[in-house]
């Protein structure tokens, strides 16, 4: 009985500790020395490259929302939010967050964090080829 309780506790901790909000800032945010419109294009393309479906795109507000496919631990998938902010001086910041599409936000076992990493990897790849100063 004790091993089962220990396993349940470990799974519960993992589910809570691996949401994208708990990722270090360096894994969920990027600042580029590049114009906002260039970063916007790269960020938009990275959504598709990461395999997500765009659900809302508001360039004037700097917001992209997307949805990823579900997986074994969460059939409804994940909702991804991307916010692009002009910091002035030619700098643009991209912040990414993800959460389970289910009402039970404790399901997922690291899925939201994995989706953020997938997206940021695709964004880094796009920005490496971007025409920035």
C-alpha atoms as a PDB file:
ATOM      1  CA  UNK A   1       0.000   0.000   0.000  1.00  0.00           C
ATOM      2  CA  UNK A   2       2.838   2.408   0.802  1.00  0.00           C
ATOM      3  CA  UNK A   3       4.442   2.190  -2.667  1.00  0.00           C
ATOM      4  CA  UNK A   4       1.090   3.014  -4.259  1.00  0.00           C
ATOM      5  CA  UNK A   5       0.621   6.085  -2.063  1.00  0.00           C
ATOM      6  CA  UNK A   6       4.166   7.195  -2.830  1.00  0.00           C
ATOM      7  CA  UNK A   7       3.551   6.802  -6.543  1.00  0.00           C
ATOM      8  CA  UNK A   8       0.294   8.772  -6.344  1.00  0.00           C
ATOM      9  CA  UNK A   9       2.051  11.553  -4.438  1.00  0.00           C
ATOM     10  CA  UNK A  10       4.851  11.669  -7.002  1.00  0.00           C
ATOM     11  CA  UNK A  11       2.389  11.825  -9.902  1.00  0.00           C
ATOM     12  CA  UNK A  12       0.445  14.588  -8.137  1.00  0.00           C
ATOM     13  CA  UNK A  13       3.589  16.639  -7.580  1.00  0.00           C
ATOM     14  CA  UNK A  14       4.714  16.123 -11.174  1.00  0.00           C
ATOM     15  CA  UNK A  15       1.339  17.248 -12.496  1.00  0.00           C
ATOM     16  CA  UNK A  16       1.464  20.477 -10.504  1.00  0.00           C
ATOM     17  CA  UNK A  17       5.173  21.183 -10.939  1.00  0.00           C
ATOM     18  CA  UNK A  18       5.337  20.897 -14.711  1.00  0.00           C
ATOM     19  CA  UNK A  19       2.873  23.535 -15.879  1.00  0.00           C
ATOM     20  CA  UNK A  20       4.343  26.160 -18.166  1.00  0.00           C
ATOM     21  CA  UNK A  21       4.007  28.792 -15.422  1.00  0.00           C
ATOM     22  CA  UNK A  22       6.667  26.952 -13.445  1.00  0.00           C
ATOM     23  CA  UNK A  23       9.181  26.945 -16.269  1.00  0.00           C
ATOM     24  CA  UNK A  24      12.162  29.249 -15.799  1.00  0.00           C
ATOM     25  CA  UNK A  25      11.749  32.503 -17.705  1.00  0.00           C
ATOM     26  CA  UNK A  26      14.608  31.548 -20.041  1.00  0.00           C
ATOM     27  CA  UNK A  27      12.545  28.579 -21.263  1.00  0.00           C
ATOM     28  CA  UNK A  28       9.272  30.481 -21.820  1.00  0.00           C
ATOM     29  CA  UNK A  29      10.390  33.924 -22.957  1.00  0.00           C
ATOM     30  CA  UNK A  30      12.693  35.467 -25.541  1.00  0.00           C
ATOM     31  CA  UNK A  31      13.882  39.029 -26.211  1.00  0.00           C
ATOM     32  CA  UNK A  32      15.156  39.838 -29.684  1.00  0.00           C
ATOM     33  CA  UNK A  33      17.001  42.860 -31.043  1.00  0.00           C
ATOM     34  CA  UNK A  34      14.599  42.976 -33.944  1.00  0.00           C
ATOM     35  CA  UNK A  35      11.562  44.934 -35.115  1.00  0.00           C
ATOM     36  CA  UNK A  36       8.183  43.809 -33.792  1.00  0.00           C
ATOM     37  CA  UNK A  37       6.752  43.108 -37.253  1.00  0.00           C
ATOM     38  CA  UNK A  38       9.671  40.770 -38.075  1.00  0.00           C
ATOM     39  CA  UNK A  39       9.260  38.952 -34.758  1.00  0.00           C
ATOM     40  CA  UNK A  40       5.483  38.760 -35.357  1.00  0.00           C
ATOM     41  CA  UNK A  41       6.021  36.985 -38.681  1.00  0.00           C
ATOM     42  CA  UNK A  42       8.503  34.555 -37.148  1.00  0.00           C
ATOM     43  CA  UNK A  43       6.225  33.933 -34.160  1.00  0.00           C
ATOM     44  CA  UNK A  44       3.244  33.281 -36.430  1.00  0.00           C
ATOM     45  CA  UNK A  45       5.227  30.855 -38.586  1.00  0.00           C
ATOM     46  CA  UNK A  46       6.606  29.081 -35.510  1.00  0.00           C
ATOM     47  CA  UNK A  47       3.050  28.239 -34.379  1.00  0.00           C
ATOM     48  CA  UNK A  48       2.505  26.259 -37.577  1.00  0.00           C
ATOM     49  CA  UNK A  49       6.001  24.750 -37.466  1.00  0.00           C
ATOM     50  CA  UNK A  50       5.372  23.511 -33.919  1.00  0.00           C
ATOM     51  CA  UNK A  51       2.250  21.743 -35.189  1.00  0.00           C
ATOM     52  CA  UNK A  52      -0.318  23.927 -33.435  1.00  0.00           C
ATOM     53  CA  UNK A  53      -3.581  25.270 -34.838  1.00  0.00           C
ATOM     54  CA  UNK A  54      -4.076  29.041 -34.608  1.00  0.00           C
ATOM     55  CA  UNK A  55      -7.335  29.900 -32.822  1.00  0.00           C
ATOM     56  CA  UNK A  56      -6.897  33.685 -32.523  1.00  0.00           C
ATOM     57  CA  UNK A  57      -4.425  36.127 -34.040  1.00  0.00           C
ATOM     58  CA  UNK A  58      -4.485  39.849 -33.230  1.00  0.00           C
ATOM     59  CA  UNK A  59      -1.395  41.565 -34.555  1.00  0.00           C
ATOM     60  CA  UNK A  60      -2.410  44.998 -33.229  1.00  0.00           C
ATOM     61  CA  UNK A  61      -2.555  43.535 -29.706  1.00  0.00           C
ATOM     62  CA  UNK A  62       0.486  41.292 -30.195  1.00  0.00           C
ATOM     63  CA  UNK A  63      -1.472  38.164 -29.270  1.00  0.00           C
ATOM     64  CA  UNK A  64      -1.528  34.724 -30.847  1.00  0.00           C
ATOM     65  CA  UNK A  65      -3.563  31.899 -29.356  1.00  0.00           C
ATOM     66  CA  UNK A  66      -3.236  28.339 -30.556  1.00  0.00           C
ATOM     67  CA  UNK A  67      -4.246  24.799 -29.702  1.00  0.00           C
ATOM     68  CA  UNK A  68      -2.191  21.629 -29.799  1.00  0.00           C
ATOM     69  CA  UNK A  69      -3.389  18.090 -30.281  1.00  0.00           C
ATOM     70  CA  UNK A  70      -4.167  15.953 -27.278  1.00  0.00           C
ATOM     71  CA  UNK A  71      -2.085  13.080 -26.042  1.00  0.00           C
ATOM     72  CA  UNK A  72      -2.518  10.021 -23.881  1.00  0.00           C
ATOM     73  CA  UNK A  73      -2.649  11.977 -20.604  1.00  0.00           C
ATOM     74  CA  UNK A  74      -4.913  14.734 -21.916  1.00  0.00           C
ATOM     75  CA  UNK A  75      -7.087  14.005 -24.940  1.00  0.00           C
ATOM     76  CA  UNK A  76      -8.331  17.584 -25.267  1.00  0.00           C
ATOM     77  CA  UNK A  77      -4.877  19.013 -25.899  1.00  0.00           C
ATOM     78  CA  UNK A  78      -3.348  22.284 -24.765  1.00  0.00           C
ATOM     79  CA  UNK A  79      -4.079  25.969 -25.240  1.00  0.00           C
ATOM     80  CA  UNK A  80      -1.033  28.085 -26.031  1.00  0.00           C
ATOM     81  CA  UNK A  81      -0.848  31.868 -25.552  1.00  0.00           C
ATOM     82  CA  UNK A  82       1.874  33.950 -27.183  1.00  0.00           C
ATOM     83  CA  UNK A  83       2.292  37.650 -26.397  1.00  0.00           C
ATOM     84  CA  UNK A  84       4.628  39.804 -28.493  1.00  0.00           C
ATOM     85  CA  UNK A  85       5.645  43.125 -26.949  1.00  0.00           C
ATOM     86  CA  UNK A  86       7.606  46.001 -28.478  1.00  0.00           C
ATOM     87  CA  UNK A  87      10.072  47.068 -25.789  1.00  0.00           C
ATOM     88  CA  UNK A  88      11.330  50.067 -27.750  1.00  0.00           C
ATOM     89  CA  UNK A  89      14.837  50.629 -29.008  1.00  0.00           C
ATOM     90  CA  UNK A  90      14.406  47.873 -31.576  1.00  0.00           C
ATOM     91  CA  UNK A  91      13.807  45.174 -28.939  1.00  0.00           C
ATOM     92  CA  UNK A  92      10.839  42.813 -29.003  1.00  0.00           C
ATOM     93  CA  UNK A  93       9.866  40.311 -26.339  1.00  0.00           C
ATOM     94  CA  UNK A  94       7.908  37.073 -26.826  1.00  0.00           C
ATOM     95  CA  UNK A  95       6.252  35.401 -23.824  1.00  0.00           C
ATOM     96  CA  UNK A  96       4.697  31.948 -24.124  1.00  0.00           C
ATOM     97  CA  UNK A  97       2.333  30.081 -21.804  1.00  0.00           C
ATOM     98  CA  UNK A  98       0.352  26.865 -22.144  1.00  0.00           C
ATOM     99  CA  UNK A  99      -2.316  25.113 -20.149  1.00  0.00           C
ATOM    100  CA  UNK A 100      -4.459  22.041 -20.427  1.00  0.00           C
ATOM    101  CA  UNK A 101      -7.613  22.490 -22.486  1.00  0.00           C
ATOM    102  CA  UNK A 102      -9.493  20.446 -19.876  1.00  0.00           C
ATOM    103  CA  UNK A 103     -11.177  21.962 -16.873  1.00  0.00           C
ATOM    104  CA  UNK A 104      -8.886  19.925 -14.612  1.00  0.00           C
ATOM    105  CA  UNK A 105      -5.635  21.875 -14.904  1.00  0.00           C
ATOM    106  CA  UNK A 106      -3.744  19.217 -12.929  1.00  0.00           C
ATOM    107  CA  UNK A 107      -3.922  16.724 -15.794  1.00  0.00           C
ATOM    108  CA  UNK A 108      -1.087  16.656 -18.295  1.00  0.00           C
ATOM    109  CA  UNK A 109       2.024  15.518 -16.473  1.00  0.00           C
ATOM    110  CA  UNK A 110       4.280  18.059 -18.132  1.00  0.00           C
ATOM    111  CA  UNK A 111       2.331  18.505 -21.346  1.00  0.00           C
ATOM    112  CA  UNK A 112       1.972  22.301 -21.066  1.00  0.00           C
ATOM    113  CA  UNK A 113       5.683  22.762 -20.407  1.00  0.00           C
ATOM    114  CA  UNK A 114       6.546  20.479 -23.322  1.00  0.00           C
ATOM    115  CA  UNK A 115       4.303  22.504 -25.667  1.00  0.00           C
ATOM    116  CA  UNK A 116       6.053  25.730 -24.601  1.00  0.00           C
ATOM    117  CA  UNK A 117       9.457  24.171 -25.256  1.00  0.00           C
ATOM    118  CA  UNK A 118       8.311  22.952 -28.687  1.00  0.00           C
ATOM    119  CA  UNK A 119       7.092  26.405 -29.614  1.00  0.00           C
ATOM    120  CA  UNK A 120      10.150  28.265 -28.300  1.00  0.00           C
ATOM    121  CA  UNK A 121      12.397  25.858 -30.222  1.00  0.00           C
ATOM    122  CA  UNK A 122      10.476  26.594 -33.441  1.00  0.00           C
ATOM    123  CA  UNK A 123      10.622  30.349 -32.695  1.00  0.00           C
ATOM    124  CA  UNK A 124      14.384  30.233 -32.095  1.00  0.00           C
ATOM    125  CA  UNK A 125      14.826  28.443 -35.424  1.00  0.00           C
ATOM    126  CA  UNK A 126      12.732  31.054 -37.257  1.00  0.00           C
ATOM    127  CA  UNK A 127      14.480  33.997 -35.594  1.00  0.00           C
ATOM    128  CA  UNK A 128      17.924  32.610 -36.439  1.00  0.00           C
ATOM    129  CA  UNK A 129      17.005  33.190 -40.084  1.00  0.00           C
ATOM    130  CA  UNK A 130      15.235  36.530 -39.511  1.00  0.00           C
ATOM    131  CA  UNK A 131      16.625  39.748 -41.061  1.00  0.00           C
ATOM    132  CA  UNK A 132      17.525  41.504 -37.810  1.00  0.00           C
ATOM    133  CA  UNK A 133      20.291  43.962 -37.052  1.00  0.00           C
END
